[in-house]
Protein backbone atom coordinates (compact mmCIF):
# COMPACT_ATOMS: atom_id res chain seq x y z
CA MET A 1 2.76 -13.31 -10.95
CA ASP A 2 6.30 -14.57 -11.29
CA VAL A 3 9.12 -14.56 -8.74
CA GLN A 4 12.69 -15.33 -9.77
CA LYS A 5 15.99 -15.41 -7.88
CA THR A 6 19.23 -14.30 -9.52
CA ASP A 7 22.26 -14.46 -7.24
CA ASN A 8 21.18 -12.40 -4.22
CA ASP A 9 18.39 -10.52 -6.00
CA ILE A 10 14.73 -11.41 -6.12
CA HIS A 11 12.72 -10.28 -9.15
CA LEU A 12 8.96 -9.96 -8.91
CA ARG A 13 6.92 -9.64 -12.08
CA CYS A 14 3.26 -8.92 -11.52
CA SER A 15 0.34 -7.00 -12.93
CA VAL A 16 -0.60 -3.57 -11.62
CA GLU A 17 -3.65 -5.11 -9.96
CA GLU A 18 -1.47 -7.70 -8.20
CA LEU A 19 0.88 -4.92 -7.05
CA LYS A 20 -2.08 -3.02 -5.62
CA GLU A 21 -3.12 -6.17 -3.72
CA ILE A 22 0.40 -6.55 -2.33
CA TYR A 23 0.42 -2.90 -1.24
CA ARG A 24 -3.00 -3.20 0.44
CA ALA A 25 -1.86 -6.33 2.30
CA LEU A 26 1.35 -4.67 3.49
CA PHE A 27 -0.53 -1.56 4.53
CA GLN A 28 -3.02 -3.66 6.50
CA ALA A 29 -0.13 -5.47 8.18
CA LEU A 30 1.30 -2.08 9.11
CA ARG A 31 -1.93 -1.10 10.80
CA SER A 32 -1.99 -4.31 12.83
CA SER A 33 1.75 -4.58 13.49
CA GLU A 34 3.23 -4.04 16.91
CA GLN A 35 6.62 -3.58 15.28
CA ASP A 36 7.15 0.15 14.82
CA GLN A 37 10.01 -0.36 12.36
CA PHE A 38 7.53 -1.68 9.79
CA ASP A 39 6.02 1.81 9.72
CA GLU A 40 9.25 3.00 8.11
CA SER A 41 9.48 0.11 5.66
CA ASP A 42 11.36 1.06 2.50
CA LEU A 43 9.42 -1.59 0.59
CA LEU A 44 6.05 -0.13 1.55
CA MET A 45 7.20 3.42 0.77
CA ASP A 46 8.72 2.39 -2.56
CA LEU A 47 5.50 0.63 -3.54
CA GLN A 48 3.43 3.62 -2.46
CA LEU A 49 5.54 6.10 -4.44
CA PHE A 50 5.44 3.87 -7.52
CA LEU A 51 1.67 3.42 -7.30
CA GLN A 52 1.15 7.15 -6.71
CA ARG A 53 3.07 7.89 -9.93
CA MET A 54 0.84 5.41 -11.74
CA ALA A 55 -2.24 7.03 -10.21
CA ARG A 56 -1.11 10.47 -11.45
CA GLU A 57 -0.61 9.01 -14.95
CA ASP A 58 -4.21 7.76 -14.76
CA GLY A 59 -5.42 11.24 -13.74
CA VAL A 60 -5.98 10.30 -10.09
CA ASP A 61 -5.15 12.85 -7.39
CA ALA A 62 -3.53 10.59 -4.77
CA THR A 63 -3.61 13.45 -2.24
CA ILE A 64 -7.38 12.97 -2.06
CA HIS A 65 -7.63 9.88 0.10
CA MET A 66 -10.90 8.58 -1.33
CA GLU A 67 -9.53 8.82 -4.92
CA TRP A 68 -6.33 7.05 -3.82
CA GLU A 69 -8.28 4.23 -2.19
CA LYS A 70 -10.51 3.88 -5.24
CA PHE A 71 -7.39 3.63 -7.43
CA LEU A 72 -5.99 0.94 -5.10
CA GLY A 73 -9.17 -1.07 -5.49
CA TYR A 74 -10.65 -0.86 -2.00
CA GLU A 75 -14.24 -2.06 -2.21
CA ARG A 76 -15.55 0.08 0.64
CA LEU A 77 -14.30 3.65 0.52
CA ILE A 78 -14.25 5.35 3.89
CA SER A 79 -13.00 8.72 5.00
CA CYS A 80 -9.65 9.17 6.77
CA ASP A 81 -11.47 10.37 9.88
CA GLU A 82 -13.46 7.14 10.04
CA ARG A 83 -10.55 4.86 9.07
CA TYR A 84 -8.16 6.27 11.66
CA ALA A 85 -10.58 7.16 14.45
CA ASP A 86 -9.16 4.49 16.76
CA TYR A 87 -5.71 4.10 15.15
CA THR A 88 -2.63 4.23 17.32
CA PRO A 89 0.65 3.42 15.52
CA GLY A 90 2.24 0.19 16.70
CA THR A 91 -0.93 -1.30 18.18
CA ALA A 92 -3.32 -3.86 16.77
CA SER A 93 -6.58 -2.40 15.49
């Protein structure tokens, strides 16, 4: 991974696997964040859309949650019902 600054821009160069790790970490922070504005994070959404395009190119149907999670590299795949059983946006879980 490489991070460079040019004027007011930051450039991140990383592998797809590193990008998936960054996305998983941000998504986990979202689930445990008490700051509702993070839920609408452009960065998280941009990463998700980019990774979903990559998933489609790899033949993964990102609308099927278990396939999406497998693509992202989650070690333990669990259903949406189980994952979000106790989830309330904006509260720690």
